[in-house]
Protein backbone atom coordinates (compact mmCIF):
# COMPACT_ATOMS: atom_id res chain seq x y z
CA MET A 1 60.44 7.13 -42.29
CA SER A 2 58.75 9.54 -44.60
CA GLY A 3 59.97 10.26 -48.09
CA ALA A 4 59.80 13.99 -47.54
CA TYR A 5 62.86 16.06 -48.37
CA ASP A 6 64.71 17.22 -45.27
CA PRO A 7 67.23 20.02 -45.93
CA ALA A 8 69.20 19.25 -42.74
CA THR A 9 69.58 15.59 -43.70
CA ALA A 10 70.56 16.53 -47.23
CA ALA A 11 73.18 19.02 -45.99
CA ALA A 12 74.59 16.42 -43.58
CA SER A 13 74.87 13.92 -46.45
CA VAL A 14 76.70 16.44 -48.61
CA ARG A 15 79.11 17.29 -45.77
CA GLU A 16 79.69 13.56 -45.17
CA LEU A 17 80.58 13.05 -48.84
CA ALA A 18 82.81 16.14 -48.82
CA ALA A 19 84.71 14.76 -45.84
CA LEU A 20 85.83 11.69 -47.78
CA SER A 21 89.50 12.05 -48.64
CA ASP A 22 91.04 10.67 -51.81
CA VAL A 23 92.74 8.09 -49.59
CA ASP A 24 89.33 7.00 -48.27
CA LEU A 25 88.01 6.79 -51.82
CA ALA A 26 91.05 4.81 -53.04
CA ASP A 27 90.60 2.40 -50.13
CA GLY A 28 86.97 1.97 -51.19
CA VAL A 29 88.02 1.17 -54.75
CA ARG A 30 90.57 -1.37 -53.50
CA ALA A 31 87.95 -3.01 -51.27
CA ALA A 32 85.42 -3.19 -54.12
CA ALA A 33 88.08 -4.64 -56.42
CA ALA A 34 88.97 -7.26 -53.80
CA ALA A 35 85.32 -8.35 -53.75
CA VAL A 36 85.39 -8.71 -57.55
CA VAL A 37 88.56 -10.81 -57.34
CA GLU A 38 87.01 -13.01 -54.65
CA LEU A 39 83.81 -13.58 -56.61
CA ALA A 40 85.73 -14.29 -59.81
CA ALA A 41 87.69 -16.97 -57.95
CA ALA A 42 84.44 -18.39 -56.55
CA TRP A 43 82.93 -18.59 -60.03
CA ARG A 44 86.05 -20.35 -61.29
CA ARG A 45 85.83 -22.87 -58.40
CA THR A 46 82.29 -23.90 -59.40
CA GLY A 47 83.79 -25.86 -62.25
CA GLN A 48 81.15 -24.57 -64.64
CA PRO A 49 82.37 -24.61 -68.21
CA LEU A 50 83.40 -21.15 -69.32
CA GLY A 51 83.22 -19.85 -72.84
CA ASP A 52 86.06 -17.90 -74.37
CA TYR A 53 84.51 -14.58 -73.36
CA GLU A 54 83.99 -15.60 -69.74
CA GLY A 55 87.49 -17.05 -69.50
CA ASP A 56 88.95 -13.85 -70.93
CA ALA A 57 86.87 -11.77 -68.50
CA LEU A 58 88.20 -13.75 -65.54
CA LYS A 59 91.74 -13.31 -66.88
CA THR A 60 91.10 -9.54 -66.90
CA VAL A 61 90.24 -9.76 -63.19
CA ASP A 62 93.47 -11.70 -62.54
CA ASP A 63 95.49 -9.11 -64.47
CA VAL A 64 93.90 -6.23 -62.55
CA ALA A 65 94.53 -8.01 -59.24
CA ALA A 66 98.22 -8.35 -60.16
CA VAL A 67 98.45 -4.65 -61.03
CA LEU A 68 96.72 -3.65 -57.77
CA ASN A 69 99.09 -5.88 -55.79
CA ARG A 70 102.06 -4.07 -57.34
CA LEU A 71 100.72 -0.60 -56.57
CA PRO A 72 102.26 1.03 -53.51
CA ALA A 73 99.97 1.48 -50.51
CA ASP A 74 100.14 5.27 -50.96
CA SER A 75 98.97 5.21 -54.58
CA THR A 76 96.76 8.08 -55.63
CA LEU A 77 93.07 7.63 -56.26
CA ASN A 78 93.70 8.11 -60.00
CA MET A 79 96.32 5.35 -60.00
CA VAL A 80 93.93 2.92 -58.30
CA VAL A 81 91.05 3.84 -60.62
CA ASP A 82 93.33 3.43 -63.65
CA ALA A 83 94.30 -0.02 -62.39
CA VAL A 84 90.69 -1.26 -62.19
CA THR A 85 89.51 0.35 -65.43
CA PRO A 86 89.96 -2.82 -67.56
CA ILE A 87 87.30 -4.53 -65.43
CA LEU A 88 84.93 -1.60 -65.91
CA HIS A 89 85.34 -1.66 -69.69
CA ARG A 90 83.99 -5.18 -70.01
CA TRP A 91 80.47 -6.52 -70.27
CA TRP A 92 79.77 -8.96 -67.44
CA PRO A 93 77.28 -11.81 -67.90
CA ARG A 94 74.49 -12.02 -65.35
CA TRP A 95 73.94 -15.78 -65.56
CA PRO A 96 74.48 -18.30 -64.06
CA PHE A 97 74.10 -17.11 -60.46
CA ASP A 98 77.87 -16.99 -59.82
CA ALA A 99 78.25 -14.71 -62.83
CA TYR A 100 75.36 -12.55 -61.59
CA ALA A 101 77.04 -12.08 -58.21
CA LEU A 102 80.26 -11.10 -59.98
CA ALA A 103 78.44 -8.65 -62.28
CA GLU A 104 76.84 -7.02 -59.24
CA ALA A 105 80.29 -6.72 -57.59
CA VAL A 106 81.58 -5.06 -60.76
CA GLU A 107 78.72 -2.54 -60.51
CA ARG A 108 79.72 -1.81 -56.90
CA LEU A 109 83.31 -1.35 -58.13
CA ARG A 110 82.01 1.04 -60.80
CA MET A 111 80.23 3.02 -58.08
CA ALA A 112 83.37 3.15 -55.92
CA ALA A 113 85.74 4.01 -58.77
CA LEU A 114 83.66 6.41 -60.85
CA HIS A 115 80.57 7.69 -59.10
CA GLN A 116 81.71 8.06 -55.49
CA PRO A 117 84.79 10.19 -56.34
CA THR A 118 82.66 12.45 -58.55
CA LEU A 119 80.03 12.83 -55.83
CA ALA A 120 82.74 13.61 -53.26
CA ARG A 121 84.38 16.24 -55.50
CA ASN A 122 81.02 17.89 -56.18
CA ALA A 123 80.19 17.86 -52.47
CA ARG A 124 83.55 19.48 -51.65
CA ARG A 125 82.79 22.25 -54.12
CA LEU A 126 79.40 22.86 -52.54
CA VAL A 127 80.92 23.01 -49.06
CA GLU A 128 83.79 25.27 -50.20
CA ALA A 129 81.34 27.61 -51.86
CA GLY A 130 79.35 27.83 -48.62
CA LEU A 131 76.25 26.40 -50.23
CA VAL A 132 75.89 23.72 -47.57
């Protein structure tokens, strides 16, 4: 594969992003949040001693999981993003390895909750304007 720019591939990527509905995006945020919850539980199961900050961070994940569980299945994208925001507002340690895996999952959640919806909205505008 060459690194050369291909306008047809770029246009197809923009159309693919534009086709994502808010429901699709909300489902992506929920899936990314579920991965964070799973990795937080795995870190807790290691039995490694946690400092106050780490314990509080894991409690934030538990609190967010409870909020997400209470949200109706037809919640809007904004409601789902609002629910996960407390996780995104924290600093996540990258050591030991279990913490690193969790921090990486939080970054994937950040991508799903903040970047992907913005990219999809921008792509929709480009398609609507006939620029793609």
